[in-house]
Amino acid sequence: MSRYASCGGGPVRASWEFKEMVKALHGAGIEVILDVVYNHTNEADDENPYTTSFRGIDNKVYYMVDLNNNAQLLNFAGCGNTFNCNHPTVMELILESLRHWVTEYHVDGFRFDLASVLCRGTDDDSVNSENVEKDYIENEQDATYLQAISKDSVLSRCKIIAEPWDCGGLYLVGKFPNWDRWAEWNGKYRDDIRRFIKGDAGMKGNFATRIAGSADLYRVRATASKIMH
């Protein structure tokens, strides 16, 4: 960790420096949103099966695997593996990590990289984004990871932002499960504005819709639920 600290001095010094940075930014009226990547780890893929991380503890628990061949890692993150976020053990590990950043470092929120990975069940099927909020699971241990974050008392003070797609084609812009808590990167805004500026035909209507707030995607949600990206 010390390689990221301007003062050096190892992880203790780096931790202190980060806290001082957050304190200074807060003093200037600036919130700190941490970009977090819980969709994969640095574990090697199946072509380079070196054990460096959770594979050495329990491969099937910590990673999504091919149900017909437990040695094969599924790759929805584009990095050779996919963290098994909705497994109770993995879910608790991630929640404890998020709580630590809030209670110890006082960050104001998180932006979740490739957040659609978090919508994939332990059997690699995607959570039904239209029904997941209605189908509230009574057994807290079986709750989805997204639901656990949304309902967590420590994280309730935080801003939580999703990049609502992954590398496996699960595109949830405008329909990411949110419990009135999650904001989304509006990838449609980026794509349509880019196409309009490029001069693609038939983009005037889409351009106007995106500039006006993408009511086709977020009509029933609060203004803060979308981030023009």
C-alpha atoms as a PDB file:
ATOM      1  CA  MET A   1       0.000   0.000   0.000  1.00  0.00           C
ATOM      2  CA  SER A   2       2.904   2.391   0.658  1.00  0.00           C
ATOM      3  CA  ARG A   3       3.569   2.758  -3.069  1.00  0.00           C
ATOM      4  CA  TYR A   4       0.397   4.863  -3.246  1.00  0.00           C
ATOM      5  CA  ALA A   5       1.362   7.078  -0.313  1.00  0.00           C
ATOM      6  CA  SER A   6       3.358  10.190  -1.149  1.00  0.00           C
ATOM      7  CA  CYS A   7       5.113  10.079   2.228  1.00  0.00           C
ATOM      8  CA  GLY A   8       5.997   6.385   2.135  1.00  0.00           C
ATOM      9  CA  GLY A   9       6.298   4.650   5.479  1.00  0.00           C
ATOM     10  CA  GLY A  10       4.313   1.480   4.871  1.00  0.00           C
ATOM     11  CA  PRO A  11       0.609   0.678   5.271  1.00  0.00           C
ATOM     12  CA  VAL A  12       0.190   2.473   8.606  1.00  0.00           C
ATOM     13  CA  ARG A  13       1.463   5.726   7.139  1.00  0.00           C
ATOM     14  CA  ALA A  14      -0.631   5.238   3.996  1.00  0.00           C
ATOM     15  CA  SER A  15      -3.751   4.697   6.098  1.00  0.00           C
ATOM     16  CA  TRP A  16      -3.058   7.855   8.106  1.00  0.00           C
ATOM     17  CA  GLU A  17      -2.424   9.857   4.947  1.00  0.00           C
ATOM     18  CA  PHE A  18      -5.700   8.710   3.380  1.00  0.00           C
ATOM     19  CA  LYS A  19      -7.616   9.740   6.503  1.00  0.00           C
ATOM     20  CA  GLU A  20      -5.952  13.148   6.461  1.00  0.00           C
ATOM     21  CA  MET A  21      -6.825  13.526   2.783  1.00  0.00           C
ATOM     22  CA  VAL A  22     -10.495  12.757   3.452  1.00  0.00           C
ATOM     23  CA  LYS A  23     -10.511  15.188   6.355  1.00  0.00           C
ATOM     24  CA  ALA A  24      -8.997  17.944   4.201  1.00  0.00           C
ATOM     25  CA  LEU A  25     -11.445  17.333   1.352  1.00  0.00           C
ATOM     26  CA  HIS A  26     -14.377  17.418   3.760  1.00  0.00           C
ATOM     27  CA  GLY A  27     -13.029  20.670   5.164  1.00  0.00           C
ATOM     28  CA  ALA A  28     -13.185  22.099   1.648  1.00  0.00           C
ATOM     29  CA  GLY A  29     -16.763  20.904   1.190  1.00  0.00           C
ATOM     30  CA  ILE A  30     -15.820  18.010  -1.109  1.00  0.00           C
ATOM     31  CA  GLU A  31     -17.292  14.539  -0.669  1.00  0.00           C
ATOM     32  CA  VAL A  32     -15.198  11.427  -1.246  1.00  0.00           C
ATOM     33  CA  ILE A  33     -16.703   8.718  -3.459  1.00  0.00           C
ATOM     34  CA  LEU A  34     -14.528   5.611  -3.607  1.00  0.00           C
ATOM     35  CA  ASP A  35     -14.426   3.586  -6.820  1.00  0.00           C
ATOM     36  CA  VAL A  36     -14.610  -0.067  -5.790  1.00  0.00           C
ATOM     37  CA  VAL A  37     -14.155  -3.244  -7.837  1.00  0.00           C
ATOM     38  CA  TYR A  38     -15.852  -6.227  -6.211  1.00  0.00           C
ATOM     39  CA  ASN A  39     -16.576  -8.029  -9.484  1.00  0.00           C
ATOM     40  CA  HIS A  40     -13.217  -9.855  -9.785  1.00  0.00           C
ATOM     41  CA  THR A  41      -9.862 -10.374  -8.066  1.00  0.00           C
ATOM     42  CA  ASN A  42      -6.268 -10.668  -9.254  1.00  0.00           C
ATOM     43  CA  GLU A  43      -6.591 -14.455  -9.390  1.00  0.00           C
ATOM     44  CA  ALA A  44      -5.294 -15.917 -12.654  1.00  0.00           C
ATOM     45  CA  ASP A  45      -7.764 -17.329 -15.175  1.00  0.00           C
ATOM     46  CA  ASP A  46      -7.963 -20.959 -16.273  1.00  0.00           C
ATOM     47  CA  GLU A  47      -5.286 -20.504 -18.931  1.00  0.00           C
ATOM     48  CA  ASN A  48      -2.859 -19.363 -16.222  1.00  0.00           C
ATOM     49  CA  PRO A  49      -4.121 -21.167 -13.112  1.00  0.00           C
ATOM     50  CA  TYR A  50      -1.792 -19.696 -10.528  1.00  0.00           C
ATOM     51  CA  THR A  51      -3.241 -19.549  -7.034  1.00  0.00           C
ATOM     52  CA  THR A  52      -2.734 -16.073  -5.590  1.00  0.00           C
ATOM     53  CA  SER A  53      -5.951 -15.312  -3.728  1.00  0.00           C
ATOM     54  CA  PHE A  54      -9.295 -16.899  -2.815  1.00  0.00           C
ATOM     55  CA  ARG A  55      -8.844 -19.884  -5.121  1.00  0.00           C
ATOM     56  CA  GLY A  56      -6.537 -21.282  -2.464  1.00  0.00           C
ATOM     57  CA  ILE A  57      -9.283 -21.029   0.168  1.00  0.00           C
ATOM     58  CA  ASP A  58     -12.409 -22.238  -1.647  1.00  0.00           C
ATOM     59  CA  ASN A  59     -12.613 -21.801  -5.399  1.00  0.00           C
ATOM     60  CA  LYS A  60     -16.318 -22.651  -5.699  1.00  0.00           C
ATOM     61  CA  VAL A  61     -17.398 -20.350  -2.866  1.00  0.00           C
ATOM     62  CA  TYR A  62     -15.483 -17.240  -3.892  1.00  0.00           C
ATOM     63  CA  TYR A  63     -15.796 -17.479  -7.684  1.00  0.00           C
ATOM     64  CA  MET A  64     -18.548 -18.209 -10.162  1.00  0.00           C
ATOM     65  CA  VAL A  65     -17.725 -21.511 -11.800  1.00  0.00           C
ATOM     66  CA  ASP A  66     -19.069 -23.591 -14.665  1.00  0.00           C
ATOM     67  CA  LEU A  67     -21.678 -25.826 -13.035  1.00  0.00           C
ATOM     68  CA  ASN A  68     -20.633 -28.673 -15.328  1.00  0.00           C
ATOM     69  CA  ASN A  69     -16.945 -28.235 -14.547  1.00  0.00           C
ATOM     70  CA  ASN A  70     -16.008 -26.646 -11.231  1.00  0.00           C
ATOM     71  CA  ALA A  71     -12.461 -26.071 -12.395  1.00  0.00           C
ATOM     72  CA  GLN A  72     -13.563 -23.540 -15.015  1.00  0.00           C
ATOM     73  CA  LEU A  73     -14.065 -19.956 -13.864  1.00  0.00           C
ATOM     74  CA  LEU A  74     -16.870 -17.922 -15.420  1.00  0.00           C
ATOM     75  CA  ASN A  75     -15.757 -14.556 -16.742  1.00  0.00           C
ATOM     76  CA  PHE A  76     -18.398 -11.824 -16.602  1.00  0.00           C
ATOM     77  CA  ALA A  77     -15.865  -9.195 -15.514  1.00  0.00           C
ATOM     78  CA  GLY A  78     -13.516  -9.417 -18.484  1.00  0.00           C
ATOM     79  CA  CYS A  79     -10.585 -10.204 -16.199  1.00  0.00           C
ATOM     80  CA  GLY A  80     -10.545 -13.994 -16.139  1.00  0.00           C
ATOM     81  CA  ASN A  81     -12.801 -14.583 -13.123  1.00  0.00           C
ATOM     82  CA  THR A  82     -16.011 -13.352 -11.491  1.00  0.00           C
ATOM     83  CA  PHE A  83     -16.345 -12.860  -7.739  1.00  0.00           C
ATOM     84  CA  ASN A  84     -19.306 -14.823  -6.349  1.00  0.00           C
ATOM     85  CA  CYS A  85     -20.869 -11.805  -4.643  1.00  0.00           C
ATOM     86  CA  ASN A  86     -24.239 -13.338  -3.749  1.00  0.00           C
ATOM     87  CA  HIS A  87     -22.770 -16.247  -1.813  1.00  0.00           C
ATOM     88  CA  PRO A  88     -23.375 -15.494   1.907  1.00  0.00           C
ATOM     89  CA  THR A  89     -19.683 -15.829   2.811  1.00  0.00           C
ATOM     90  CA  VAL A  90     -18.524 -13.538   0.013  1.00  0.00           C
ATOM     91  CA  MET A  91     -21.350 -11.097   0.631  1.00  0.00           C
ATOM     92  CA  GLU A  92     -20.369 -10.671   4.280  1.00  0.00           C
ATOM     93  CA  LEU A  93     -16.713 -10.165   3.342  1.00  0.00           C
ATOM     94  CA  ILE A  94     -17.625  -7.348   0.950  1.00  0.00           C
ATOM     95  CA  LEU A  95     -20.076  -5.750   3.379  1.00  0.00           C
ATOM     96  CA  GLU A  96     -17.429  -5.703   6.104  1.00  0.00           C
ATOM     97  CA  SER A  97     -15.023  -4.063   3.667  1.00  0.00           C
ATOM     98  CA  LEU A  98     -17.539  -1.338   2.780  1.00  0.00           C
ATOM     99  CA  ARG A  99     -18.412  -0.716   6.426  1.00  0.00           C
ATOM    100  CA  HIS A 100     -14.721  -0.398   7.261  1.00  0.00           C
ATOM    101  CA  TRP A 101     -14.235   2.332   4.642  1.00  0.00           C
ATOM    102  CA  VAL A 102     -17.189   4.224   6.102  1.00  0.00           C
ATOM    103  CA  THR A 103     -16.486   3.857   9.825  1.00  0.00           C
ATOM    104  CA  GLU A 104     -12.678   4.042   9.729  1.00  0.00           C
ATOM    105  CA  TYR A 105     -12.008   6.384   6.790  1.00  0.00           C
ATOM    106  CA  HIS A 106     -15.316   8.301   6.639  1.00  0.00           C
ATOM    107  CA  VAL A 107     -15.783   8.071   2.882  1.00  0.00           C
ATOM    108  CA  ASP A 108     -19.118   9.389   1.647  1.00  0.00           C
ATOM    109  CA  GLY A 109     -20.026   6.721  -0.854  1.00  0.00           C
ATOM    110  CA  PHE A 110     -19.019   4.178  -3.439  1.00  0.00           C
ATOM    111  CA  ARG A 111     -19.138   3.750  -7.200  1.00  0.00           C
ATOM    112  CA  PHE A 112     -19.362   0.042  -8.052  1.00  0.00           C
ATOM    113  CA  ASP A 113     -17.474  -1.077 -11.142  1.00  0.00           C
ATOM    114  CA  LEU A 114     -19.399  -3.435 -13.484  1.00  0.00           C
ATOM    115  CA  ALA A 115     -22.213  -3.549 -10.953  1.00  0.00           C
ATOM    116  CA  SER A 116     -24.384  -5.905 -13.017  1.00  0.00           C
ATOM    117  CA  VAL A 117     -22.036  -8.670 -11.856  1.00  0.00           C
ATOM    118  CA  LEU A 118     -23.548  -8.069  -8.422  1.00  0.00           C
ATOM    119  CA  CYS A 119     -26.934  -9.018  -9.900  1.00  0.00           C
ATOM    120  CA  ARG A 120     -25.785 -12.502 -10.859  1.00  0.00           C
ATOM    121  CA  GLY A 121     -26.835 -15.331  -8.577  1.00  0.00           C
ATOM    122  CA  THR A 122     -24.513 -18.015  -7.302  1.00  0.00           C
ATOM    123  CA  ASP A 123     -25.779 -20.321 -10.084  1.00  0.00           C
ATOM    124  CA  ASP A 124     -24.614 -17.690 -12.632  1.00  0.00           C
ATOM    125  CA  ASP A 125     -28.211 -16.808 -13.599  1.00  0.00           C
ATOM    126  CA  SER A 126     -28.927 -13.100 -13.437  1.00  0.00           C
ATOM    127  CA  VAL A 127     -31.272 -11.789 -10.765  1.00  0.00           C
ATOM    128  CA  ASN A 128     -34.588 -10.763 -12.342  1.00  0.00           C
ATOM    129  CA  SER A 129     -34.184  -7.005 -12.267  1.00  0.00           C
ATOM    130  CA  GLU A 130     -37.950  -6.430 -12.604  1.00  0.00           C
ATOM    131  CA  ASN A 131     -38.953  -8.665  -9.704  1.00  0.00           C
ATOM    132  CA  VAL A 132     -35.989  -8.678  -7.347  1.00  0.00           C
ATOM    133  CA  GLU A 133     -37.350  -5.797  -5.228  1.00  0.00           C
ATOM    134  CA  LYS A 134     -40.814  -7.350  -5.028  1.00  0.00           C
ATOM    135  CA  ASP A 135     -39.517 -10.795  -4.127  1.00  0.00           C
ATOM    136  CA  TYR A 136     -38.136  -9.774  -0.751  1.00  0.00           C
ATOM    137  CA  ILE A 137     -36.423 -12.769   0.811  1.00  0.00           C
ATOM    138  CA  GLU A 138     -37.528 -13.206   4.429  1.00  0.00           C
ATOM    139  CA  ASN A 139     -34.428 -15.136   5.436  1.00  0.00           C
ATOM    140  CA  GLU A 140     -31.793 -12.425   5.801  1.00  0.00           C
ATOM    141  CA  GLN A 141     -29.014 -14.907   5.007  1.00  0.00           C
ATOM    142  CA  ASP A 142     -30.527 -15.443   1.544  1.00  0.00           C
ATOM    143  CA  ALA A 143     -30.877 -11.750   0.677  1.00  0.00           C
ATOM    144  CA  THR A 144     -29.088 -10.554  -2.410  1.00  0.00           C
ATOM    145  CA  TYR A 145     -25.922  -8.532  -2.101  1.00  0.00           C
ATOM    146  CA  LEU A 146     -27.550  -5.417  -3.570  1.00  0.00           C
ATOM    147  CA  GLN A 147     -30.402  -5.692  -1.113  1.00  0.00           C
ATOM    148  CA  ALA A 148     -27.999  -6.157   1.782  1.00  0.00           C
ATOM    149  CA  ILE A 149     -26.156  -2.951   0.869  1.00  0.00           C
ATOM    150  CA  SER A 150     -29.414  -1.041   0.437  1.00  0.00           C
ATOM    151  CA  LYS A 151     -30.723  -2.104   3.847  1.00  0.00           C
ATOM    152  CA  ASP A 152     -27.457  -1.946   5.806  1.00  0.00           C
ATOM    153  CA  SER A 153     -27.598   0.492   8.739  1.00  0.00           C
ATOM    154  CA  VAL A 154     -23.940   1.570   8.464  1.00  0.00           C
ATOM    155  CA  LEU A 155     -24.103   2.113   4.704  1.00  0.00           C
ATOM    156  CA  SER A 156     -27.435   3.956   4.875  1.00  0.00           C
ATOM    157  CA  ARG A 157     -25.582   7.271   5.152  1.00  0.00           C
ATOM    158  CA  CYS A 158     -23.645   6.645   1.920  1.00  0.00           C
ATOM    159  CA  LYS A 159     -24.186   7.426  -1.710  1.00  0.00           C
ATOM    160  CA  ILE A 160     -24.114   4.216  -3.760  1.00  0.00           C
ATOM    161  CA  ILE A 161     -23.635   4.368  -7.513  1.00  0.00           C
ATOM    162  CA  ALA A 162     -23.798   1.506 -10.015  1.00  0.00           C
ATOM    163  CA  GLU A 163     -22.103   1.063 -13.354  1.00  0.00           C
ATOM    164  CA  PRO A 164     -25.128  -0.968 -14.526  1.00  0.00           C
ATOM    165  CA  TRP A 165     -23.583  -3.417 -16.978  1.00  0.00           C
ATOM    166  CA  ASP A 166     -20.923  -6.109 -17.104  1.00  0.00           C
ATOM    167  CA  CYS A 167     -18.791  -7.897 -19.687  1.00  0.00           C
ATOM    168  CA  GLY A 168     -21.275 -10.754 -19.981  1.00  0.00           C
ATOM    169  CA  GLY A 169     -24.004  -8.681 -21.620  1.00  0.00           C
ATOM    170  CA  LEU A 170     -26.163  -7.958 -18.554  1.00  0.00           C
ATOM    171  CA  TYR A 171     -27.137  -4.354 -19.399  1.00  0.00           C
ATOM    172  CA  LEU A 172     -29.369  -2.828 -16.709  1.00  0.00           C
ATOM    173  CA  VAL A 173     -29.346   0.903 -17.494  1.00  0.00           C
ATOM    174  CA  GLY A 174     -32.707   2.268 -16.349  1.00  0.00           C
ATOM    175  CA  LYS A 175     -33.701  -0.944 -14.575  1.00  0.00           C
ATOM    176  CA  PHE A 176     -30.961  -1.636 -12.063  1.00  0.00           C
ATOM    177  CA  PRO A 177     -32.444  -2.986  -8.778  1.00  0.00           C
ATOM    178  CA  ASN A 178     -32.303   0.042  -6.500  1.00  0.00           C
ATOM    179  CA  TRP A 179     -34.650   0.029  -3.465  1.00  0.00           C
ATOM    180  CA  ASP A 180     -34.698   3.835  -3.930  1.00  0.00           C
ATOM    181  CA  ARG A 181     -31.046   3.840  -2.867  1.00  0.00           C
ATOM    182  CA  TRP A 182     -28.894   3.133  -5.910  1.00  0.00           C
ATOM    183  CA  ALA A 183     -27.992   5.748  -8.489  1.00  0.00           C
ATOM    184  CA  GLU A 184     -26.868   4.681 -11.960  1.00  0.00           C
ATOM    185  CA  TRP A 185     -24.388   5.756 -14.546  1.00  0.00           C
ATOM    186  CA  ASN A 186     -26.615   6.587 -17.502  1.00  0.00           C
ATOM    187  CA  GLY A 187     -24.652   4.892 -20.263  1.00  0.00           C
ATOM    188  CA  LYS A 188     -27.408   5.698 -22.773  1.00  0.00           C
ATOM    189  CA  TYR A 189     -26.595   9.387 -22.298  1.00  0.00           C
ATOM    190  CA  ARG A 190     -22.957   8.824 -23.223  1.00  0.00           C
ATOM    191  CA  ASP A 191     -23.757   6.647 -26.227  1.00  0.00           C
ATOM    192  CA  ASP A 192     -26.492   8.845 -27.719  1.00  0.00           C
ATOM    193  CA  ILE A 193     -24.631  12.128 -27.194  1.00  0.00           C
ATOM    194  CA  ARG A 194     -21.558  10.621 -28.830  1.00  0.00           C
ATOM    195  CA  ARG A 195     -23.562   9.401 -31.823  1.00  0.00           C
ATOM    196  CA  PHE A 196     -25.275  12.788 -32.218  1.00  0.00           C
ATOM    197  CA  ILE A 197     -21.961  14.670 -32.159  1.00  0.00           C
ATOM    198  CA  LYS A 198     -20.500  12.156 -34.609  1.00  0.00           C
ATOM    199  CA  GLY A 199     -23.325  12.968 -37.019  1.00  0.00           C
ATOM    200  CA  ASP A 200     -25.205   9.670 -37.060  1.00  0.00           C
ATOM    201  CA  ALA A 201     -28.592   9.928 -38.742  1.00  0.00           C
ATOM    202  CA  GLY A 202     -31.809   9.961 -36.732  1.00  0.00           C
ATOM    203  CA  MET A 203     -30.259  11.007 -33.425  1.00  0.00           C
ATOM    204  CA  LYS A 204     -31.983  14.365 -32.834  1.00  0.00           C
ATOM    205  CA  GLY A 205     -34.811  12.868 -30.783  1.00  0.00           C
ATOM    206  CA  ASN A 206     -32.495  10.714 -28.700  1.00  0.00           C
ATOM    207  CA  PHE A 207     -30.183  13.679 -28.136  1.00  0.00           C
ATOM    208  CA  ALA A 208     -33.083  15.792 -26.846  1.00  0.00           C
ATOM    209  CA  THR A 209     -34.277  12.963 -24.595  1.00  0.00           C
ATOM    210  CA  ARG A 210     -30.851  12.523 -23.021  1.00  0.00           C
ATOM    211  CA  ILE A 211     -30.293  16.263 -22.493  1.00  0.00           C
ATOM    212  CA  ALA A 212     -33.748  16.520 -20.897  1.00  0.00           C
ATOM    213  CA  GLY A 213     -32.978  13.837 -18.316  1.00  0.00           C
ATOM    214  CA  SER A 214     -33.800  10.482 -19.960  1.00  0.00           C
ATOM    215  CA  ALA A 215     -37.434  10.308 -18.883  1.00  0.00           C
ATOM    216  CA  ASP A 216     -37.810   7.133 -20.932  1.00  0.00           C
ATOM    217  CA  LEU A 217     -35.487   5.405 -18.473  1.00  0.00           C
ATOM    218  CA  TYR A 218     -36.060   7.199 -15.152  1.00  0.00           C
ATOM    219  CA  ARG A 219     -39.601   8.604 -15.293  1.00  0.00           C
ATOM    220  CA  VAL A 220     -40.636   7.253 -11.897  1.00  0.00           C
ATOM    221  CA  ARG A 221     -37.320   7.701 -10.123  1.00  0.00           C
ATOM    222  CA  ALA A 222     -35.733  10.652  -8.344  1.00  0.00           C
ATOM    223  CA  THR A 223     -33.471  13.042 -10.232  1.00  0.00           C
ATOM    224  CA  ALA A 224     -30.476  11.922  -8.178  1.00  0.00           C
ATOM    225  CA  SER A 225     -30.927   8.327  -9.366  1.00  0.00           C
ATOM    226  CA  LYS A 226     -29.200   9.032 -12.678  1.00  0.00           C
ATOM    227  CA  ILE A 227     -25.692  10.270 -13.352  1.00  0.00           C
ATOM    228  CA  MET A 228     -25.082  11.536 -16.868  1.00  0.00           C
ATOM    229  CA  HIS A 229     -22.015   9.626 -17.919  1.00  0.00           C
END
